[in-house]
Amino acid sequence: MSRRSHPFRRGATDDRDADRAQVVLVAAAVVAVAFLSMTLAYAQLGYDADRTGAGAVEVASIGGIERDLAASFRAAVRDEAGDDSVDGGENADSRRERGVVAERIRADVSADVDRLAERHAGESRSLTVTFADAAATAWAETNCPGGPGRAFGPCRSVDGVVLQERAGEATPVAAAFRIQVVSPAESTTATVVVSAV
């Protein structure tokens, strides 16, 4: 008799296995439905107003920024030359040293860069402008004014400002800038060199 009851026990085990398989299938269906609803909710987070809002920000013109930087640099060069003619004497000589001239030019231009960055921040853009010493050095090596009839010294870059010895004075010739613009509509990085004339 014990042998007869044994086959019945095996059948009960098969029923439990079948029940367990059905529970696993139901659990898988519940998880699939949950993933489907999460996917739909995620897709709805990127609604059209986000995309059209990003497109409403105009793309910044690197050319316009370069013109603003050129005007600022040229004004700083004029101010530096004007300060020397007013002061004269020993004070002017100390100001014409390379490091001092470059630092004064950088300070004048940096004040204008701050105003330019504020203007772009009002237009939902981040504008970062830094002096690019490597680009200024490359420019100084290839574009330094010289030639017949010019008794100028060599050009040297000092922290992104190109200076040239002229009549024993350090004269600003050019400046190099690295421009980075970031907004919802764009991300642009450019390096530009502006000349003093």
C-alpha atoms as a PDB file:
ATOM      1  CA  MET A   1       0.000   0.000   0.000  1.00  0.00           C
ATOM      2  CA  SER A   2       2.715   2.313   0.603  1.00  0.00           C
ATOM      3  CA  ARG A   3       3.667   1.973  -3.021  1.00  0.00           C
ATOM      4  CA  ARG A   4       0.265   3.031  -4.221  1.00  0.00           C
ATOM      5  CA  SER A   5       0.246   6.206  -2.177  1.00  0.00           C
ATOM      6  CA  HIS A   6       3.617   7.145  -3.489  1.00  0.00           C
ATOM      7  CA  PRO A   7       2.422   7.889  -7.049  1.00  0.00           C
ATOM      8  CA  PHE A   8      -0.288  10.126  -5.625  1.00  0.00           C
ATOM      9  CA  ARG A   9       2.307  12.142  -3.804  1.00  0.00           C
ATOM     10  CA  ARG A  10       4.191  12.687  -7.036  1.00  0.00           C
ATOM     11  CA  GLY A  11       1.031  14.035  -8.686  1.00  0.00           C
ATOM     12  CA  ALA A  12       0.529  16.496  -5.832  1.00  0.00           C
ATOM     13  CA  THR A  13       4.043  17.787  -6.386  1.00  0.00           C
ATOM     14  CA  ASP A  14       3.312  18.322 -10.081  1.00  0.00           C
ATOM     15  CA  ASP A  15       0.234  20.371  -9.148  1.00  0.00           C
ATOM     16  CA  ARG A  16       2.287  22.535  -6.840  1.00  0.00           C
ATOM     17  CA  ASP A  17       4.876  23.097  -9.598  1.00  0.00           C
ATOM     18  CA  ALA A  18       2.115  24.108 -12.007  1.00  0.00           C
ATOM     19  CA  ASP A  19       0.653  26.504  -9.423  1.00  0.00           C
ATOM     20  CA  ARG A  20       4.094  27.993  -8.823  1.00  0.00           C
ATOM     21  CA  ALA A  21       4.627  28.514 -12.573  1.00  0.00           C
ATOM     22  CA  GLN A  22       1.303  30.337 -12.853  1.00  0.00           C
ATOM     23  CA  VAL A  23       2.263  32.634  -9.955  1.00  0.00           C
ATOM     24  CA  VAL A  24       5.574  33.440 -11.679  1.00  0.00           C
ATOM     25  CA  LEU A  25       3.754  34.261 -14.937  1.00  0.00           C
ATOM     26  CA  VAL A  26       1.300  36.543 -13.126  1.00  0.00           C
ATOM     27  CA  ALA A  27       4.200  38.301 -11.340  1.00  0.00           C
ATOM     28  CA  ALA A  28       5.992  38.806 -14.665  1.00  0.00           C
ATOM     29  CA  ALA A  29       2.829  40.313 -16.162  1.00  0.00           C
ATOM     30  CA  VAL A  30       2.517  42.723 -13.214  1.00  0.00           C
ATOM     31  CA  VAL A  31       6.172  43.810 -13.608  1.00  0.00           C
ATOM     32  CA  ALA A  32       5.683  44.308 -17.363  1.00  0.00           C
ATOM     33  CA  VAL A  33       2.631  46.500 -16.769  1.00  0.00           C
ATOM     34  CA  ALA A  34       4.591  48.505 -14.178  1.00  0.00           C
ATOM     35  CA  PHE A  35       7.491  49.062 -16.619  1.00  0.00           C
ATOM     36  CA  LEU A  36       5.065  50.104 -19.338  1.00  0.00           C
ATOM     37  CA  SER A  37       3.436  52.724 -17.120  1.00  0.00           C
ATOM     38  CA  MET A  38       6.854  54.018 -15.970  1.00  0.00           C
ATOM     39  CA  THR A  39       7.988  54.320 -19.605  1.00  0.00           C
ATOM     40  CA  LEU A  40       4.871  56.290 -20.533  1.00  0.00           C
ATOM     41  CA  ALA A  41       5.330  58.599 -17.544  1.00  0.00           C
ATOM     42  CA  TYR A  42       8.985  59.203 -18.476  1.00  0.00           C
ATOM     43  CA  ALA A  43       8.051  59.993 -22.069  1.00  0.00           C
ATOM     44  CA  GLN A  44       5.539  62.584 -20.879  1.00  0.00           C
ATOM     45  CA  LEU A  45       8.226  64.452 -18.923  1.00  0.00           C
ATOM     46  CA  GLY A  46       9.726  65.729 -22.177  1.00  0.00           C
ATOM     47  CA  TYR A  47       6.671  67.624 -23.369  1.00  0.00           C
ATOM     48  CA  ASP A  48       6.732  70.090 -26.290  1.00  0.00           C
ATOM     49  CA  ALA A  49       6.938  73.238 -24.183  1.00  0.00           C
ATOM     50  CA  ASP A  50      10.457  72.253 -23.092  1.00  0.00           C
ATOM     51  CA  ARG A  51      11.663  71.872 -26.649  1.00  0.00           C
ATOM     52  CA  THR A  52      10.091  75.086 -27.918  1.00  0.00           C
ATOM     53  CA  GLY A  53      11.372  76.996 -24.887  1.00  0.00           C
ATOM     54  CA  ALA A  54      14.941  75.995 -25.730  1.00  0.00           C
ATOM     55  CA  GLY A  55      14.480  77.092 -29.323  1.00  0.00           C
ATOM     56  CA  ALA A  56      13.289  80.524 -28.217  1.00  0.00           C
ATOM     57  CA  VAL A  57      16.839  81.436 -27.119  1.00  0.00           C
ATOM     58  CA  GLU A  58      18.694  82.939 -30.066  1.00  0.00           C
ATOM     59  CA  VAL A  59      22.120  81.612 -30.951  1.00  0.00           C
ATOM     60  CA  ALA A  60      24.897  84.016 -29.958  1.00  0.00           C
ATOM     61  CA  SER A  61      27.049  85.451 -32.713  1.00  0.00           C
ATOM     62  CA  ILE A  62      30.738  84.772 -32.122  1.00  0.00           C
ATOM     63  CA  GLY A  63      31.429  87.542 -34.638  1.00  0.00           C
ATOM     64  CA  GLY A  64      29.449  90.004 -32.516  1.00  0.00           C
ATOM     65  CA  ILE A  65      31.287  88.961 -29.372  1.00  0.00           C
ATOM     66  CA  GLU A  66      34.600  89.268 -31.232  1.00  0.00           C
ATOM     67  CA  ARG A  67      33.678  92.826 -32.341  1.00  0.00           C
ATOM     68  CA  ASP A  68      32.848  93.758 -28.744  1.00  0.00           C
ATOM     69  CA  LEU A  69      36.168  92.322 -27.527  1.00  0.00           C
ATOM     70  CA  ALA A  70      38.083  94.124 -30.302  1.00  0.00           C
ATOM     71  CA  ALA A  71      36.463  97.440 -29.384  1.00  0.00           C
ATOM     72  CA  SER A  72      37.248  96.895 -25.714  1.00  0.00           C
ATOM     73  CA  PHE A  73      40.867  95.926 -26.427  1.00  0.00           C
ATOM     74  CA  ARG A  74      41.418  98.908 -28.737  1.00  0.00           C
ATOM     75  CA  ALA A  75      39.942 101.283 -26.154  1.00  0.00           C
ATOM     76  CA  ALA A  76      42.252  99.821 -23.498  1.00  0.00           C
ATOM     77  CA  VAL A  77      45.250 100.312 -25.834  1.00  0.00           C
ATOM     78  CA  ARG A  78      44.229 103.948 -26.447  1.00  0.00           C
ATOM     79  CA  ASP A  79      43.793 104.511 -22.708  1.00  0.00           C
ATOM     80  CA  GLU A  80      47.234 103.033 -22.040  1.00  0.00           C
ATOM     81  CA  ALA A  81      48.844 105.285 -24.677  1.00  0.00           C
ATOM     82  CA  GLY A  82      46.913 108.328 -23.394  1.00  0.00           C
ATOM     83  CA  ASP A  83      47.977 107.730 -19.780  1.00  0.00           C
ATOM     84  CA  ASP A  84      51.633 107.754 -20.813  1.00  0.00           C
ATOM     85  CA  SER A  85      51.395 111.044 -22.690  1.00  0.00           C
ATOM     86  CA  VAL A  86      49.670 112.728 -19.723  1.00  0.00           C
ATOM     87  CA  ASP A  87      51.984 111.410 -16.985  1.00  0.00           C
ATOM     88  CA  GLY A  88      55.334 111.402 -18.812  1.00  0.00           C
ATOM     89  CA  GLY A  89      58.625 110.927 -17.008  1.00  0.00           C
ATOM     90  CA  GLU A  90      59.510 108.120 -14.611  1.00  0.00           C
ATOM     91  CA  ASN A  91      55.917 107.048 -13.939  1.00  0.00           C
ATOM     92  CA  ALA A  92      55.349 106.430 -17.657  1.00  0.00           C
ATOM     93  CA  ASP A  93      58.557 104.382 -17.934  1.00  0.00           C
ATOM     94  CA  SER A  94      57.450 102.014 -15.177  1.00  0.00           C
ATOM     95  CA  ARG A  95      54.044 101.620 -16.820  1.00  0.00           C
ATOM     96  CA  ARG A  96      55.604 100.675 -20.160  1.00  0.00           C
ATOM     97  CA  GLU A  97      57.196  97.518 -18.748  1.00  0.00           C
ATOM     98  CA  ARG A  98      55.710  94.430 -20.345  1.00  0.00           C
ATOM     99  CA  GLY A  99      54.097  92.888 -17.299  1.00  0.00           C
ATOM    100  CA  VAL A 100      52.577  96.175 -16.153  1.00  0.00           C
ATOM    101  CA  VAL A 101      51.224  97.038 -19.607  1.00  0.00           C
ATOM    102  CA  ALA A 102      49.719  93.564 -20.067  1.00  0.00           C
ATOM    103  CA  GLU A 103      48.104  93.648 -16.628  1.00  0.00           C
ATOM    104  CA  ARG A 104      46.526  97.076 -17.223  1.00  0.00           C
ATOM    105  CA  ILE A 105      45.169  95.979 -20.613  1.00  0.00           C
ATOM    106  CA  ARG A 106      43.808  92.753 -19.097  1.00  0.00           C
ATOM    107  CA  ALA A 107      42.123  94.659 -16.250  1.00  0.00           C
ATOM    108  CA  ASP A 108      40.433  97.121 -18.623  1.00  0.00           C
ATOM    109  CA  VAL A 109      39.209  94.378 -20.963  1.00  0.00           C
ATOM    110  CA  SER A 110      38.068  92.147 -18.070  1.00  0.00           C
ATOM    111  CA  ALA A 111      35.741  94.876 -16.809  1.00  0.00           C
ATOM    112  CA  ASP A 112      34.104  95.024 -20.250  1.00  0.00           C
ATOM    113  CA  VAL A 113      33.954  91.208 -20.422  1.00  0.00           C
ATOM    114  CA  ASP A 114      32.023  91.173 -17.135  1.00  0.00           C
ATOM    115  CA  ARG A 115      29.445  93.596 -18.584  1.00  0.00           C
ATOM    116  CA  LEU A 116      29.231  91.501 -21.752  1.00  0.00           C
ATOM    117  CA  ALA A 117      28.668  88.322 -19.714  1.00  0.00           C
ATOM    118  CA  GLU A 118      25.883  90.017 -17.725  1.00  0.00           C
ATOM    119  CA  ARG A 119      24.178  91.061 -20.954  1.00  0.00           C
ATOM    120  CA  HIS A 120      24.289  87.484 -22.252  1.00  0.00           C
ATOM    121  CA  ALA A 121      23.049  86.122 -18.909  1.00  0.00           C
ATOM    122  CA  GLY A 122      19.934  88.272 -19.393  1.00  0.00           C
ATOM    123  CA  GLU A 123      19.401  86.385 -22.669  1.00  0.00           C
ATOM    124  CA  SER A 124      19.639  82.939 -20.968  1.00  0.00           C
ATOM    125  CA  ARG A 125      23.236  82.336 -22.030  1.00  0.00           C
ATOM    126  CA  SER A 126      26.422  81.697 -20.135  1.00  0.00           C
ATOM    127  CA  LEU A 127      29.375  83.560 -21.639  1.00  0.00           C
ATOM    128  CA  THR A 128      32.922  82.887 -20.500  1.00  0.00           C
ATOM    129  CA  VAL A 129      35.825  84.835 -21.988  1.00  0.00           C
ATOM    130  CA  THR A 130      39.427  84.189 -20.969  1.00  0.00           C
ATOM    131  CA  PHE A 131      42.743  85.341 -22.373  1.00  0.00           C
ATOM    132  CA  ALA A 132      44.337  82.593 -24.509  1.00  0.00           C
ATOM    133  CA  ASP A 133      48.100  82.750 -24.024  1.00  0.00           C
ATOM    134  CA  ALA A 134      48.878  79.820 -26.361  1.00  0.00           C
ATOM    135  CA  ALA A 135      46.950  81.433 -29.223  1.00  0.00           C
ATOM    136  CA  ALA A 136      48.610  84.796 -28.508  1.00  0.00           C
ATOM    137  CA  THR A 137      52.049  83.157 -28.589  1.00  0.00           C
ATOM    138  CA  ALA A 138      51.253  81.475 -31.918  1.00  0.00           C
ATOM    139  CA  TRP A 139      50.011  84.785 -33.331  1.00  0.00           C
ATOM    140  CA  ALA A 140      53.144  86.586 -32.103  1.00  0.00           C
ATOM    141  CA  GLU A 141      55.378  84.033 -33.847  1.00  0.00           C
ATOM    142  CA  THR A 142      53.611  84.246 -37.221  1.00  0.00           C
ATOM    143  CA  ASN A 143      52.058  87.731 -37.451  1.00  0.00           C
ATOM    144  CA  CYS A 144      54.429  90.069 -35.612  1.00  0.00           C
ATOM    145  CA  PRO A 145      54.665  93.394 -37.490  1.00  0.00           C
ATOM    146  CA  GLY A 146      58.072  93.919 -39.016  1.00  0.00           C
ATOM    147  CA  GLY A 147      59.879  94.157 -42.315  1.00  0.00           C
ATOM    148  CA  PRO A 148      61.780  96.807 -44.268  1.00  0.00           C
ATOM    149  CA  GLY A 149      61.615 100.287 -42.784  1.00  0.00           C
ATOM    150  CA  ARG A 150      60.421  99.054 -39.380  1.00  0.00           C
ATOM    151  CA  ALA A 151      62.796  99.021 -36.462  1.00  0.00           C
ATOM    152  CA  PHE A 152      60.565  97.090 -34.082  1.00  0.00           C
ATOM    153  CA  GLY A 153      61.595  94.507 -31.551  1.00  0.00           C
ATOM    154  CA  PRO A 154      60.231  90.991 -31.301  1.00  0.00           C
ATOM    155  CA  CYS A 155      56.655  90.255 -30.249  1.00  0.00           C
ATOM    156  CA  ARG A 156      56.057  88.417 -26.996  1.00  0.00           C
ATOM    157  CA  SER A 157      52.885  87.159 -25.409  1.00  0.00           C
ATOM    158  CA  VAL A 158      52.263  88.064 -21.780  1.00  0.00           C
ATOM    159  CA  ASP A 159      49.186  86.290 -20.413  1.00  0.00           C
ATOM    160  CA  GLY A 160      47.294  86.476 -23.702  1.00  0.00           C
ATOM    161  CA  VAL A 161      48.344  90.030 -24.659  1.00  0.00           C
ATOM    162  CA  VAL A 162      50.900  90.371 -27.487  1.00  0.00           C
ATOM    163  CA  LEU A 163      53.431  93.140 -26.851  1.00  0.00           C
ATOM    164  CA  GLN A 164      56.160  94.469 -29.138  1.00  0.00           C
ATOM    165  CA  GLU A 165      59.150  96.657 -28.351  1.00  0.00           C
ATOM    166  CA  ARG A 166      58.740  99.966 -30.182  1.00  0.00           C
ATOM    167  CA  ALA A 167      61.090 102.865 -29.425  1.00  0.00           C
ATOM    168  CA  GLY A 168      62.054 101.165 -26.176  1.00  0.00           C
ATOM    169  CA  GLU A 169      58.460 100.799 -24.995  1.00  0.00           C
ATOM    170  CA  ALA A 170      56.229  97.757 -24.710  1.00  0.00           C
ATOM    171  CA  THR A 171      53.380  98.406 -27.127  1.00  0.00           C
ATOM    172  CA  PRO A 172      50.212  96.255 -27.197  1.00  0.00           C
ATOM    173  CA  VAL A 173      49.778  94.753 -30.667  1.00  0.00           C
ATOM    174  CA  ALA A 174      47.087  92.081 -30.248  1.00  0.00           C
ATOM    175  CA  ALA A 175      45.220  89.933 -27.734  1.00  0.00           C
ATOM    176  CA  ALA A 176      43.850  86.395 -27.943  1.00  0.00           C
ATOM    177  CA  PHE A 177      40.607  85.305 -26.304  1.00  0.00           C
ATOM    178  CA  ARG A 178      38.914  81.952 -25.711  1.00  0.00           C
ATOM    179  CA  ILE A 179      35.135  82.415 -25.939  1.00  0.00           C
ATOM    180  CA  GLN A 180      32.675  79.850 -24.585  1.00  0.00           C
ATOM    181  CA  VAL A 181      28.908  80.287 -25.000  1.00  0.00           C
ATOM    182  CA  VAL A 182      26.456  77.842 -23.411  1.00  0.00           C
ATOM    183  CA  SER A 183      22.664  78.084 -23.640  1.00  0.00           C
ATOM    184  CA  PRO A 184      19.753  75.682 -24.027  1.00  0.00           C
ATOM    185  CA  ALA A 185      20.095  76.053 -27.801  1.00  0.00           C
ATOM    186  CA  GLU A 186      23.875  75.909 -28.214  1.00  0.00           C
ATOM    187  CA  SER A 187      27.304  75.188 -26.851  1.00  0.00           C
ATOM    188  CA  THR A 188      30.104  76.963 -28.702  1.00  0.00           C
ATOM    189  CA  THR A 189      33.793  77.438 -28.018  1.00  0.00           C
ATOM    190  CA  ALA A 190      36.036  79.614 -30.190  1.00  0.00           C
ATOM    191  CA  THR A 191      39.448  81.238 -29.977  1.00  0.00           C
ATOM    192  CA  VAL A 192      39.863  84.654 -31.592  1.00  0.00           C
ATOM    193  CA  VAL A 193      42.742  87.103 -31.926  1.00  0.00           C
ATOM    194  CA  VAL A 194      42.048  90.823 -32.175  1.00  0.00           C
ATOM    195  CA  SER A 195      44.633  93.394 -33.223  1.00  0.00           C
ATOM    196  CA  ALA A 196      45.162  96.868 -31.831  1.00  0.00           C
ATOM    197  CA  VAL A 197      44.713  98.477 -35.249  1.00  0.00           C
END
